């Protein structure tokens, strides 16, 4: 290792010398790096899509303008108010969390119901399984979806199989695991991942990803009420960028029910989360520039996914699934 380090340093010195370092000339290598840095800074906050809010609705009562993280807070607030067994726990959730999704909840409901955990994802999910099995409504937060992997065994080998292995004597269906998901353009490799595919083939759990604040609140409340452990991934690029009218009171949106957002006759585009807004723009471009009529479907629930809706609408048109990597 030391030899490799020395070789690397020698190589770096050689490169810098050839670039003009120490000769009074400007280094082309450093100039290139500065140029790249300048372009990256200019593009850092440029979204590759435009958020398209859902049409306002009064179906669920009075509404209020909320961004996505506020809609999550509202859902958690509704749950804590109506369910005395509900507890929220995770890294830094007591002071509001890094994305402020639990802000004010500890002060309102007490430190026994909203509390921090050690930095141990396996322990967070393991604790959640135990709490749910004992009868609590357990809502765990993994600070970033990228860090859910240490808890993978607890999710797929324990939570998903608890009911089966006990012959339905016990279950942890009251467990919901939340996690910020996807990239924001400057999170690098450990704050940008979309790990839903790792869980999409595991029977015994449900995997849900919303596209908007309205959807986020209704789907999260459905996950919390569902009698199966659920993974709820929240597109963090939409936490503040997505704003729309959201019902103040509790409401649910059915799980495993896809939504056809745009009718079309030539091609079906299937996506979830942030990628929905990308595909809406793609569908409009295809129509305007190519005369191709595209149908757009938001899958919403990744597992178990709505095969009936997707297969029904794609019977007359080929389907394209968009990997939600953004």
C-alpha atoms as a PDB file:
ATOM      1  CA  UNK A   1       0.000   0.000   0.000  1.00  0.00           C
ATOM      2  CA  UNK A   2       2.821   2.411   0.894  1.00  0.00           C
ATOM      3  CA  UNK A   3       4.598   1.621  -2.382  1.00  0.00           C
ATOM      4  CA  UNK A   4       1.413   2.256  -4.317  1.00  0.00           C
ATOM      5  CA  UNK A   5       0.957   5.574  -2.523  1.00  0.00           C
ATOM      6  CA  UNK A   6       4.502   6.643  -3.364  1.00  0.00           C
ATOM      7  CA  UNK A   7       3.989   5.663  -7.012  1.00  0.00           C
ATOM      8  CA  UNK A   8       0.785   7.683  -7.120  1.00  0.00           C
ATOM      9  CA  UNK A   9       2.495  10.736  -5.619  1.00  0.00           C
ATOM     10  CA  UNK A  10       5.396  10.484  -8.065  1.00  0.00           C
ATOM     11  CA  UNK A  11       2.957  10.198 -10.952  1.00  0.00           C
ATOM     12  CA  UNK A  12       1.009  13.201  -9.733  1.00  0.00           C
ATOM     13  CA  UNK A  13       4.203  15.269  -9.432  1.00  0.00           C
ATOM     14  CA  UNK A  14       5.197  14.266 -12.930  1.00  0.00           C
ATOM     15  CA  UNK A  15       1.810  15.289 -14.312  1.00  0.00           C
ATOM     16  CA  UNK A  16       1.897  18.638 -12.559  1.00  0.00           C
ATOM     17  CA  UNK A  17       5.432  19.337 -13.789  1.00  0.00           C
ATOM     18  CA  UNK A  18       4.430  18.652 -17.388  1.00  0.00           C
ATOM     19  CA  UNK A  19       1.483  21.006 -16.913  1.00  0.00           C
ATOM     20  CA  UNK A  20       3.787  23.907 -16.173  1.00  0.00           C
ATOM     21  CA  UNK A  21       3.813  23.937 -12.380  1.00  0.00           C
ATOM     22  CA  UNK A  22       7.015  25.536 -11.086  1.00  0.00           C
ATOM     23  CA  UNK A  23       7.872  27.077 -14.465  1.00  0.00           C
ATOM     24  CA  UNK A  24       5.946  30.312 -14.062  1.00  0.00           C
ATOM     25  CA  UNK A  25       3.397  29.153 -16.638  1.00  0.00           C
ATOM     26  CA  UNK A  26      -0.272  28.579 -15.923  1.00  0.00           C
ATOM     27  CA  UNK A  27      -1.074  24.930 -15.418  1.00  0.00           C
ATOM     28  CA  UNK A  28      -3.415  23.574 -18.105  1.00  0.00           C
ATOM     29  CA  UNK A  29      -4.464  20.833 -15.683  1.00  0.00           C
ATOM     30  CA  UNK A  30      -5.453  23.358 -13.025  1.00  0.00           C
ATOM     31  CA  UNK A  31      -7.112  25.588 -15.616  1.00  0.00           C
ATOM     32  CA  UNK A  32      -9.229  22.662 -16.788  1.00  0.00           C
ATOM     33  CA  UNK A  33     -10.203  21.834 -13.224  1.00  0.00           C
ATOM     34  CA  UNK A  34     -11.222  25.416 -12.551  1.00  0.00           C
ATOM     35  CA  UNK A  35     -13.282  25.485 -15.722  1.00  0.00           C
ATOM     36  CA  UNK A  36     -15.020  22.252 -14.811  1.00  0.00           C
ATOM     37  CA  UNK A  37     -15.655  23.581 -11.322  1.00  0.00           C
ATOM     38  CA  UNK A  38     -17.170  26.768 -12.717  1.00  0.00           C
ATOM     39  CA  UNK A  39     -19.522  24.861 -15.011  1.00  0.00           C
ATOM     40  CA  UNK A  40     -20.522  22.488 -12.243  1.00  0.00           C
ATOM     41  CA  UNK A  41     -21.346  25.399  -9.939  1.00  0.00           C
ATOM     42  CA  UNK A  42     -23.445  26.982 -12.655  1.00  0.00           C
ATOM     43  CA  UNK A  43     -25.366  23.737 -13.240  1.00  0.00           C
ATOM     44  CA  UNK A  44     -25.539  22.593  -9.627  1.00  0.00           C
ATOM     45  CA  UNK A  45     -29.042  23.861  -8.931  1.00  0.00           C
ATOM     46  CA  UNK A  46     -30.466  23.451 -12.430  1.00  0.00           C
ATOM     47  CA  UNK A  47     -33.242  20.829 -12.324  1.00  0.00           C
ATOM     48  CA  UNK A  48     -33.618  18.590 -15.349  1.00  0.00           C
ATOM     49  CA  UNK A  49     -37.417  18.700 -15.083  1.00  0.00           C
ATOM     50  CA  UNK A  50     -40.272  20.980 -14.075  1.00  0.00           C
ATOM     51  CA  UNK A  51     -42.544  19.872 -11.238  1.00  0.00           C
ATOM     52  CA  UNK A  52     -46.149  19.626 -12.370  1.00  0.00           C
ATOM     53  CA  UNK A  53     -48.638  19.804  -9.483  1.00  0.00           C
ATOM     54  CA  UNK A  54     -51.785  17.717  -9.377  1.00  0.00           C
ATOM     55  CA  UNK A  55     -55.076  19.513 -10.029  1.00  0.00           C
ATOM     56  CA  UNK A  56     -56.501  20.996  -6.800  1.00  0.00           C
ATOM     57  CA  UNK A  57     -59.063  18.781  -5.062  1.00  0.00           C
ATOM     58  CA  UNK A  58     -61.632  19.284  -2.319  1.00  0.00           C
ATOM     59  CA  UNK A  59     -62.384  15.568  -2.074  1.00  0.00           C
ATOM     60  CA  UNK A  60     -60.625  15.307   1.281  1.00  0.00           C
ATOM     61  CA  UNK A  61     -61.717  18.620   2.804  1.00  0.00           C
ATOM     62  CA  UNK A  62     -59.925  21.908   3.356  1.00  0.00           C
ATOM     63  CA  UNK A  63     -56.485  22.261   1.779  1.00  0.00           C
ATOM     64  CA  UNK A  64     -53.346  24.238   2.483  1.00  0.00           C
ATOM     65  CA  UNK A  65     -50.317  25.038   0.338  1.00  0.00           C
ATOM     66  CA  UNK A  66     -47.529  22.633   1.309  1.00  0.00           C
ATOM     67  CA  UNK A  67     -44.255  21.451  -0.145  1.00  0.00           C
ATOM     68  CA  UNK A  68     -43.419  17.775   0.003  1.00  0.00           C
ATOM     69  CA  UNK A  69     -41.603  17.743   3.331  1.00  0.00           C
ATOM     70  CA  UNK A  70     -44.458  19.707   4.930  1.00  0.00           C
ATOM     71  CA  UNK A  71     -46.959  17.170   3.623  1.00  0.00           C
ATOM     72  CA  UNK A  72     -44.891  14.423   5.257  1.00  0.00           C
ATOM     73  CA  UNK A  73     -44.888  16.369   8.530  1.00  0.00           C
ATOM     74  CA  UNK A  74     -48.651  16.805   8.254  1.00  0.00           C
ATOM     75  CA  UNK A  75     -49.172  13.059   7.768  1.00  0.00           C
ATOM     76  CA  UNK A  76     -46.992  12.239  10.778  1.00  0.00           C
ATOM     77  CA  UNK A  77     -48.783  14.893  12.852  1.00  0.00           C
ATOM     78  CA  UNK A  78     -52.177  13.400  11.940  1.00  0.00           C
ATOM     79  CA  UNK A  79     -50.945   9.935  12.902  1.00  0.00           C
ATOM     80  CA  UNK A  80     -49.510  10.939  16.280  1.00  0.00           C
ATOM     81  CA  UNK A  81     -52.695  12.858  17.095  1.00  0.00           C
ATOM     82  CA  UNK A  82     -55.045   9.983  16.272  1.00  0.00           C
ATOM     83  CA  UNK A  83     -52.981   6.949  17.355  1.00  0.00           C
ATOM     84  CA  UNK A  84     -51.607   6.958  20.927  1.00  0.00           C
ATOM     85  CA  UNK A  85     -49.394   3.962  20.132  1.00  0.00           C
ATOM     86  CA  UNK A  86     -47.578   5.733  17.267  1.00  0.00           C
ATOM     87  CA  UNK A  87     -43.871   6.466  17.729  1.00  0.00           C
ATOM     88  CA  UNK A  88     -41.348   8.084  15.390  1.00  0.00           C
ATOM     89  CA  UNK A  89     -37.643   7.363  15.706  1.00  0.00           C
ATOM     90  CA  UNK A  90     -34.390   7.649  13.766  1.00  0.00           C
ATOM     91  CA  UNK A  91     -31.217   9.678  13.542  1.00  0.00           C
ATOM     92  CA  UNK A  92     -31.845  13.347  14.431  1.00  0.00           C
ATOM     93  CA  UNK A  93     -35.647  13.132  14.141  1.00  0.00           C
ATOM     94  CA  UNK A  94     -36.086  14.707  17.596  1.00  0.00           C
ATOM     95  CA  UNK A  95     -34.908  18.109  16.378  1.00  0.00           C
ATOM     96  CA  UNK A  96     -36.721  17.824  13.051  1.00  0.00           C
ATOM     97  CA  UNK A  97     -34.430  15.700  10.902  1.00  0.00           C
ATOM     98  CA  UNK A  98     -31.961  16.835   8.265  1.00  0.00           C
ATOM     99  CA  UNK A  99     -34.844  17.609   5.878  1.00  0.00           C
ATOM    100  CA  UNK A 100     -37.137  18.996   8.622  1.00  0.00           C
ATOM    101  CA  UNK A 101     -39.834  16.357   8.090  1.00  0.00           C
ATOM    102  CA  UNK A 102     -40.363  15.855  11.838  1.00  0.00           C
ATOM    103  CA  UNK A 103     -39.890  19.466  12.930  1.00  0.00           C
ATOM    104  CA  UNK A 104     -41.975  20.412  15.980  1.00  0.00           C
ATOM    105  CA  UNK A 105     -43.329  16.924  16.604  1.00  0.00           C
ATOM    106  CA  UNK A 106     -41.225  16.158  19.693  1.00  0.00           C
ATOM    107  CA  UNK A 107     -42.292  19.424  21.317  1.00  0.00           C
ATOM    108  CA  UNK A 108     -45.928  18.674  20.523  1.00  0.00           C
ATOM    109  CA  UNK A 109     -46.065  14.976  21.453  1.00  0.00           C
ATOM    110  CA  UNK A 110     -43.161  14.437  23.832  1.00  0.00           C
ATOM    111  CA  UNK A 111     -39.752  12.806  23.839  1.00  0.00           C
ATOM    112  CA  UNK A 112     -41.220   9.336  24.469  1.00  0.00           C
ATOM    113  CA  UNK A 113     -42.999   9.374  21.101  1.00  0.00           C
ATOM    114  CA  UNK A 114     -40.508  11.217  18.886  1.00  0.00           C
ATOM    115  CA  UNK A 115     -36.915  10.361  19.711  1.00  0.00           C
ATOM    116  CA  UNK A 116     -33.422   9.954  18.351  1.00  0.00           C
ATOM    117  CA  UNK A 117     -31.624   6.640  17.900  1.00  0.00           C
ATOM    118  CA  UNK A 118     -27.959   5.731  17.670  1.00  0.00           C
ATOM    119  CA  UNK A 119     -26.381   5.870  14.234  1.00  0.00           C
ATOM    120  CA  UNK A 120     -27.195   2.237  13.437  1.00  0.00           C
ATOM    121  CA  UNK A 121     -29.619   1.452  10.629  1.00  0.00           C
ATOM    122  CA  UNK A 122     -29.757  -2.228  11.498  1.00  0.00           C
ATOM    123  CA  UNK A 123     -30.672  -1.294  15.057  1.00  0.00           C
ATOM    124  CA  UNK A 124     -33.286   1.263  13.939  1.00  0.00           C
ATOM    125  CA  UNK A 125     -35.153  -1.303  11.840  1.00  0.00           C
ATOM    126  CA  UNK A 126     -34.650  -4.074  14.419  1.00  0.00           C
ATOM    127  CA  UNK A 127     -36.129  -1.837  17.094  1.00  0.00           C
ATOM    128  CA  UNK A 128     -39.005  -0.989  14.771  1.00  0.00           C
ATOM    129  CA  UNK A 129     -39.758  -4.664  14.188  1.00  0.00           C
ATOM    130  CA  UNK A 130     -39.875  -5.279  17.925  1.00  0.00           C
ATOM    131  CA  UNK A 131     -42.034  -2.228  18.612  1.00  0.00           C
ATOM    132  CA  UNK A 132     -44.489  -3.131  15.852  1.00  0.00           C
ATOM    133  CA  UNK A 133     -44.678  -6.745  17.026  1.00  0.00           C
ATOM    134  CA  UNK A 134     -45.485  -5.489  20.537  1.00  0.00           C
ATOM    135  CA  UNK A 135     -48.418  -3.471  19.183  1.00  0.00           C
ATOM    136  CA  UNK A 136     -47.011  -0.015  18.513  1.00  0.00           C
ATOM    137  CA  UNK A 137     -47.399   1.878  15.253  1.00  0.00           C
ATOM    138  CA  UNK A 138     -43.691   2.152  14.506  1.00  0.00           C
ATOM    139  CA  UNK A 139     -42.460   4.790  12.044  1.00  0.00           C
ATOM    140  CA  UNK A 140     -38.712   4.523  11.475  1.00  0.00           C
ATOM    141  CA  UNK A 141     -36.612   6.996   9.524  1.00  0.00           C
ATOM    142  CA  UNK A 142     -33.441   6.043   7.684  1.00  0.00           C
ATOM    143  CA  UNK A 143     -31.692   9.395   7.222  1.00  0.00           C
ATOM    144  CA  UNK A 144     -30.800   8.680   3.578  1.00  0.00           C
ATOM    145  CA  UNK A 145     -31.982   5.750   1.463  1.00  0.00           C
ATOM    146  CA  UNK A 146     -28.327   5.154   0.570  1.00  0.00           C
ATOM    147  CA  UNK A 147     -27.731   4.004   4.159  1.00  0.00           C
ATOM    148  CA  UNK A 148     -30.550   1.462   4.260  1.00  0.00           C
ATOM    149  CA  UNK A 149     -28.233  -1.384   3.252  1.00  0.00           C
ATOM    150  CA  UNK A 150     -26.949  -2.186   6.777  1.00  0.00           C
ATOM    151  CA  UNK A 151     -30.629  -2.821   7.607  1.00  0.00           C
ATOM    152  CA  UNK A 152     -31.195  -5.019   4.547  1.00  0.00           C
ATOM    153  CA  UNK A 153     -31.124  -8.263   6.521  1.00  0.00           C
ATOM    154  CA  UNK A 154     -33.569  -6.922   9.110  1.00  0.00           C
ATOM    155  CA  UNK A 155     -35.971  -5.821   6.351  1.00  0.00           C
ATOM    156  CA  UNK A 156     -35.929  -8.807   3.994  1.00  0.00           C
ATOM    157  CA  UNK A 157     -35.135 -11.618   6.453  1.00  0.00           C
ATOM    158  CA  UNK A 158     -37.013 -10.464   9.549  1.00  0.00           C
ATOM    159  CA  UNK A 159     -39.694  -7.863   8.829  1.00  0.00           C
ATOM    160  CA  UNK A 160     -40.824  -9.396   5.529  1.00  0.00           C
ATOM    161  CA  UNK A 161     -40.948 -12.945   6.895  1.00  0.00           C
ATOM    162  CA  UNK A 162     -42.190 -12.395  10.458  1.00  0.00           C
ATOM    163  CA  UNK A 163     -45.823 -13.302   9.769  1.00  0.00           C
ATOM    164  CA  UNK A 164     -44.909 -16.319   7.643  1.00  0.00           C
ATOM    165  CA  UNK A 165     -42.343 -17.768  10.009  1.00  0.00           C
ATOM    166  CA  UNK A 166     -44.714 -17.538  13.006  1.00  0.00           C
ATOM    167  CA  UNK A 167     -47.655 -19.065  11.175  1.00  0.00           C
ATOM    168  CA  UNK A 168     -49.483 -15.738  11.468  1.00  0.00           C
ATOM    169  CA  UNK A 169     -49.238 -15.778  15.259  1.00  0.00           C
ATOM    170  CA  UNK A 170     -47.137 -12.592  15.161  1.00  0.00           C
ATOM    171  CA  UNK A 171     -46.422  -9.889  12.627  1.00  0.00           C
ATOM    172  CA  UNK A 172     -44.782  -6.463  12.342  1.00  0.00           C
ATOM    173  CA  UNK A 173     -47.301  -5.043   9.908  1.00  0.00           C
ATOM    174  CA  UNK A 174     -47.436  -1.803  11.895  1.00  0.00           C
ATOM    175  CA  UNK A 175     -43.911  -0.922  10.772  1.00  0.00           C
ATOM    176  CA  UNK A 176     -43.311   1.846   8.229  1.00  0.00           C
ATOM    177  CA  UNK A 177     -39.772   2.780   7.183  1.00  0.00           C
ATOM    178  CA  UNK A 178     -39.288   6.231   5.641  1.00  0.00           C
ATOM    179  CA  UNK A 179     -36.199   7.336   3.755  1.00  0.00           C
ATOM    180  CA  UNK A 180     -35.197  10.325   1.577  1.00  0.00           C
ATOM    181  CA  UNK A 181     -34.560   8.927  -1.901  1.00  0.00           C
ATOM    182  CA  UNK A 182     -32.948   9.835  -5.212  1.00  0.00           C
ATOM    183  CA  UNK A 183     -30.533  12.575  -6.170  1.00  0.00           C
ATOM    184  CA  UNK A 184     -30.562  16.345  -5.947  1.00  0.00           C
ATOM    185  CA  UNK A 185     -27.631  17.003  -8.276  1.00  0.00           C
ATOM    186  CA  UNK A 186     -24.858  17.433  -5.705  1.00  0.00           C
ATOM    187  CA  UNK A 187     -25.232  14.534  -3.252  1.00  0.00           C
ATOM    188  CA  UNK A 188     -22.501  12.370  -4.761  1.00  0.00           C
ATOM    189  CA  UNK A 189     -22.555   8.606  -4.386  1.00  0.00           C
ATOM    190  CA  UNK A 190     -23.793   8.261  -0.794  1.00  0.00           C
ATOM    191  CA  UNK A 191     -26.673  10.746  -0.960  1.00  0.00           C
ATOM    192  CA  UNK A 192     -28.127  10.100  -4.406  1.00  0.00           C
ATOM    193  CA  UNK A 193     -29.170   6.469  -4.653  1.00  0.00           C
ATOM    194  CA  UNK A 194     -32.525   4.926  -5.581  1.00  0.00           C
ATOM    195  CA  UNK A 195     -32.417   1.460  -3.972  1.00  0.00           C
ATOM    196  CA  UNK A 196     -36.018   0.352  -4.518  1.00  0.00           C
ATOM    197  CA  UNK A 197     -35.022  -2.372  -6.997  1.00  0.00           C
ATOM    198  CA  UNK A 198     -33.215  -4.254  -4.226  1.00  0.00           C
ATOM    199  CA  UNK A 199     -36.528  -4.602  -2.366  1.00  0.00           C
ATOM    200  CA  UNK A 200     -38.892  -4.944  -5.324  1.00  0.00           C
ATOM    201  CA  UNK A 201     -38.557  -8.751  -5.428  1.00  0.00           C
ATOM    202  CA  UNK A 202     -39.107  -9.454  -1.731  1.00  0.00           C
ATOM    203  CA  UNK A 203     -42.541 -10.826  -0.756  1.00  0.00           C
ATOM    204  CA  UNK A 204     -43.867  -9.652   2.590  1.00  0.00           C
ATOM    205  CA  UNK A 205     -43.160  -5.909   2.258  1.00  0.00           C
ATOM    206  CA  UNK A 206     -44.610  -3.036   0.269  1.00  0.00           C
ATOM    207  CA  UNK A 207     -42.533  -0.387  -1.513  1.00  0.00           C
ATOM    208  CA  UNK A 208     -44.057   3.014  -2.268  1.00  0.00           C
ATOM    209  CA  UNK A 209     -42.685   6.187  -3.937  1.00  0.00           C
ATOM    210  CA  UNK A 210     -44.816   9.350  -4.386  1.00  0.00           C
ATOM    211  CA  UNK A 211     -44.549  11.996  -7.093  1.00  0.00           C
ATOM    212  CA  UNK A 212     -45.954  15.040  -5.255  1.00  0.00           C
ATOM    213  CA  UNK A 213     -46.950  16.471  -1.844  1.00  0.00           C
ATOM    214  CA  UNK A 214     -50.610  15.484  -2.297  1.00  0.00           C
ATOM    215  CA  UNK A 215     -49.632  11.944  -3.198  1.00  0.00           C
ATOM    216  CA  UNK A 216     -46.983  11.760  -0.480  1.00  0.00           C
ATOM    217  CA  UNK A 217     -49.342  12.468   2.395  1.00  0.00           C
ATOM    218  CA  UNK A 218     -52.090  10.113   1.220  1.00  0.00           C
ATOM    219  CA  UNK A 219     -49.717   7.271   0.369  1.00  0.00           C
ATOM    220  CA  UNK A 220     -47.741   7.627   3.615  1.00  0.00           C
ATOM    221  CA  UNK A 221     -50.928   7.477   5.677  1.00  0.00           C
ATOM    222  CA  UNK A 222     -51.931   4.369   3.710  1.00  0.00           C
ATOM    223  CA  UNK A 223     -48.551   2.775   4.479  1.00  0.00           C
ATOM    224  CA  UNK A 224     -48.920   3.546   8.184  1.00  0.00           C
ATOM    225  CA  UNK A 225     -52.436   2.056   8.221  1.00  0.00           C
ATOM    226  CA  UNK A 226     -51.508  -0.996   6.143  1.00  0.00           C
ATOM    227  CA  UNK A 227     -51.129  -4.348   7.869  1.00  0.00           C
ATOM    228  CA  UNK A 228     -47.794  -5.060   6.195  1.00  0.00           C
ATOM    229  CA  UNK A 229     -44.341  -3.533   6.732  1.00  0.00           C
ATOM    230  CA  UNK A 230     -43.862  -0.749   4.192  1.00  0.00           C
ATOM    231  CA  UNK A 231     -40.875   1.066   2.727  1.00  0.00           C
ATOM    232  CA  UNK A 232     -41.750   4.646   1.858  1.00  0.00           C
ATOM    233  CA  UNK A 233     -39.134   6.420  -0.252  1.00  0.00           C
ATOM    234  CA  UNK A 234     -39.422  10.231  -0.466  1.00  0.00           C
ATOM    235  CA  UNK A 235     -37.931  12.066  -3.505  1.00  0.00           C
ATOM    236  CA  UNK A 236     -35.738  14.566  -1.719  1.00  0.00           C
ATOM    237  CA  UNK A 237     -35.311  16.795  -4.763  1.00  0.00           C
ATOM    238  CA  UNK A 238     -39.043  17.492  -4.389  1.00  0.00           C
ATOM    239  CA  UNK A 239     -38.961  18.268  -0.639  1.00  0.00           C
ATOM    240  CA  UNK A 240     -38.948  22.010  -1.340  1.00  0.00           C
ATOM    241  CA  UNK A 241     -39.297  22.197  -5.121  1.00  0.00           C
ATOM    242  CA  UNK A 242     -42.745  20.582  -5.190  1.00  0.00           C
ATOM    243  CA  UNK A 243     -45.537  22.808  -3.857  1.00  0.00           C
ATOM    244  CA  UNK A 244     -49.297  22.308  -4.196  1.00  0.00           C
ATOM    245  CA  UNK A 245     -52.566  22.311  -2.275  1.00  0.00           C
ATOM    246  CA  UNK A 246     -52.702  19.413   0.205  1.00  0.00           C
ATOM    247  CA  UNK A 247     -55.637  18.421   2.476  1.00  0.00           C
ATOM    248  CA  UNK A 248     -55.061  19.327   6.119  1.00  0.00           C
ATOM    249  CA  UNK A 249     -56.930  16.346   7.575  1.00  0.00           C
ATOM    250  CA  UNK A 250     -56.083  12.673   7.201  1.00  0.00           C
ATOM    251  CA  UNK A 251     -56.841  10.901   3.932  1.00  0.00           C
ATOM    252  CA  UNK A 252     -55.526   7.807   2.196  1.00  0.00           C
ATOM    253  CA  UNK A 253     -54.623   6.888  -1.369  1.00  0.00           C
ATOM    254  CA  UNK A 254     -54.901   3.152  -2.128  1.00  0.00           C
ATOM    255  CA  UNK A 255     -51.672   1.184  -2.346  1.00  0.00           C
ATOM    256  CA  UNK A 256     -50.894  -1.064  -5.325  1.00  0.00           C
ATOM    257  CA  UNK A 257     -53.082   1.109  -7.534  1.00  0.00           C
ATOM    258  CA  UNK A 258     -51.338   2.835 -10.438  1.00  0.00           C
ATOM    259  CA  UNK A 259     -52.690   6.076 -11.868  1.00  0.00           C
ATOM    260  CA  UNK A 260     -53.051   6.929 -15.536  1.00  0.00           C
ATOM    261  CA  UNK A 261     -51.961  10.566 -15.703  1.00  0.00           C
ATOM    262  CA  UNK A 262     -52.174  11.042 -19.438  1.00  0.00           C
ATOM    263  CA  UNK A 263     -54.074   9.115 -22.089  1.00  0.00           C
ATOM    264  CA  UNK A 264     -52.291   7.990 -25.246  1.00  0.00           C
ATOM    265  CA  UNK A 265     -52.686   5.497 -28.085  1.00  0.00           C
ATOM    266  CA  UNK A 266     -49.189   4.778 -29.448  1.00  0.00           C
ATOM    267  CA  UNK A 267     -46.902   4.227 -26.482  1.00  0.00           C
ATOM    268  CA  UNK A 268     -47.179   3.692 -22.729  1.00  0.00           C
ATOM    269  CA  UNK A 269     -44.606   5.244 -20.387  1.00  0.00           C
ATOM    270  CA  UNK A 270     -44.419   3.827 -16.852  1.00  0.00           C
ATOM    271  CA  UNK A 271     -42.484   5.493 -14.037  1.00  0.00           C
ATOM    272  CA  UNK A 272     -42.628   6.569 -10.401  1.00  0.00           C
ATOM    273  CA  UNK A 273     -41.435   9.365  -8.148  1.00  0.00           C
ATOM    274  CA  UNK A 274     -39.476  12.239  -9.676  1.00  0.00           C
ATOM    275  CA  UNK A 275     -39.221  10.519 -13.045  1.00  0.00           C
ATOM    276  CA  UNK A 276     -42.943  11.032 -13.606  1.00  0.00           C
ATOM    277  CA  UNK A 277     -42.347  14.723 -14.241  1.00  0.00           C
ATOM    278  CA  UNK A 278     -39.561  13.884 -16.699  1.00  0.00           C
ATOM    279  CA  UNK A 279     -41.820  11.518 -18.637  1.00  0.00           C
ATOM    280  CA  UNK A 280     -44.618  14.060 -18.808  1.00  0.00           C
ATOM    281  CA  UNK A 281     -42.230  16.378 -20.609  1.00  0.00           C
ATOM    282  CA  UNK A 282     -41.034  13.512 -22.826  1.00  0.00           C
ATOM    283  CA  UNK A 283     -44.633  12.659 -23.728  1.00  0.00           C
ATOM    284  CA  UNK A 284     -45.313  16.265 -24.719  1.00  0.00           C
ATOM    285  CA  UNK A 285     -42.137  16.389 -26.832  1.00  0.00           C
ATOM    286  CA  UNK A 286     -43.040  13.117 -28.551  1.00  0.00           C
ATOM    287  CA  UNK A 287     -46.447  14.485 -29.455  1.00  0.00           C
ATOM    288  CA  UNK A 288     -45.192  17.872 -30.648  1.00  0.00           C
ATOM    289  CA  UNK A 289     -42.121  16.732 -32.586  1.00  0.00           C
ATOM    290  CA  UNK A 290     -43.004  13.194 -33.694  1.00  0.00           C
ATOM    291  CA  UNK A 291     -46.768  13.020 -33.578  1.00  0.00           C
ATOM    292  CA  UNK A 292     -46.546  10.082 -31.160  1.00  0.00           C
ATOM    293  CA  UNK A 293     -49.351   9.794 -28.610  1.00  0.00           C
ATOM    294  CA  UNK A 294     -47.978   8.650 -25.247  1.00  0.00           C
ATOM    295  CA  UNK A 295     -49.806   7.335 -22.250  1.00  0.00           C
ATOM    296  CA  UNK A 296     -48.152   8.126 -18.877  1.00  0.00           C
ATOM    297  CA  UNK A 297     -48.690   5.894 -15.833  1.00  0.00           C
ATOM    298  CA  UNK A 298     -47.498   6.581 -12.295  1.00  0.00           C
ATOM    299  CA  UNK A 299     -46.912   3.181 -10.706  1.00  0.00           C
ATOM    300  CA  UNK A 300     -46.835   4.703  -7.166  1.00  0.00           C
ATOM    301  CA  UNK A 301     -46.505   1.297  -5.475  1.00  0.00           C
ATOM    302  CA  UNK A 302     -43.460  -0.626  -6.706  1.00  0.00           C
ATOM    303  CA  UNK A 303     -44.310  -3.773  -4.743  1.00  0.00           C
ATOM    304  CA  UNK A 304     -46.872  -5.208  -5.230  1.00  0.00           C
ATOM    305  CA  UNK A 305     -47.303  -3.249  -8.466  1.00  0.00           C
ATOM    306  CA  UNK A 306     -50.572  -2.787 -10.292  1.00  0.00           C
ATOM    307  CA  UNK A 307     -50.267  -5.282 -13.131  1.00  0.00           C
ATOM    308  CA  UNK A 308     -53.921  -4.969 -14.086  1.00  0.00           C
ATOM    309  CA  UNK A 309     -53.803  -1.248 -14.905  1.00  0.00           C
ATOM    310  CA  UNK A 310     -50.477  -1.443 -16.715  1.00  0.00           C
ATOM    311  CA  UNK A 311     -51.351  -4.529 -18.738  1.00  0.00           C
ATOM    312  CA  UNK A 312     -54.797  -3.189 -19.609  1.00  0.00           C
ATOM    313  CA  UNK A 313     -53.559   0.097 -21.023  1.00  0.00           C
ATOM    314  CA  UNK A 314     -50.566  -1.460 -22.784  1.00  0.00           C
ATOM    315  CA  UNK A 315     -52.615  -4.108 -24.581  1.00  0.00           C
ATOM    316  CA  UNK A 316     -52.858  -1.879 -27.652  1.00  0.00           C
ATOM    317  CA  UNK A 317     -49.534  -0.083 -27.296  1.00  0.00           C
ATOM    318  CA  UNK A 318     -45.957  -1.060 -26.421  1.00  0.00           C
ATOM    319  CA  UNK A 319     -44.771  -0.070 -22.966  1.00  0.00           C
ATOM    320  CA  UNK A 320     -41.602   1.680 -21.852  1.00  0.00           C
ATOM    321  CA  UNK A 321     -40.579   1.587 -18.198  1.00  0.00           C
ATOM    322  CA  UNK A 322     -38.442   4.476 -16.991  1.00  0.00           C
ATOM    323  CA  UNK A 323     -35.900   3.592 -14.308  1.00  0.00           C
ATOM    324  CA  UNK A 324     -36.405   6.136 -11.534  1.00  0.00           C
ATOM    325  CA  UNK A 325     -32.762   6.982 -10.967  1.00  0.00           C
ATOM    326  CA  UNK A 326     -33.258  10.679 -10.343  1.00  0.00           C
END
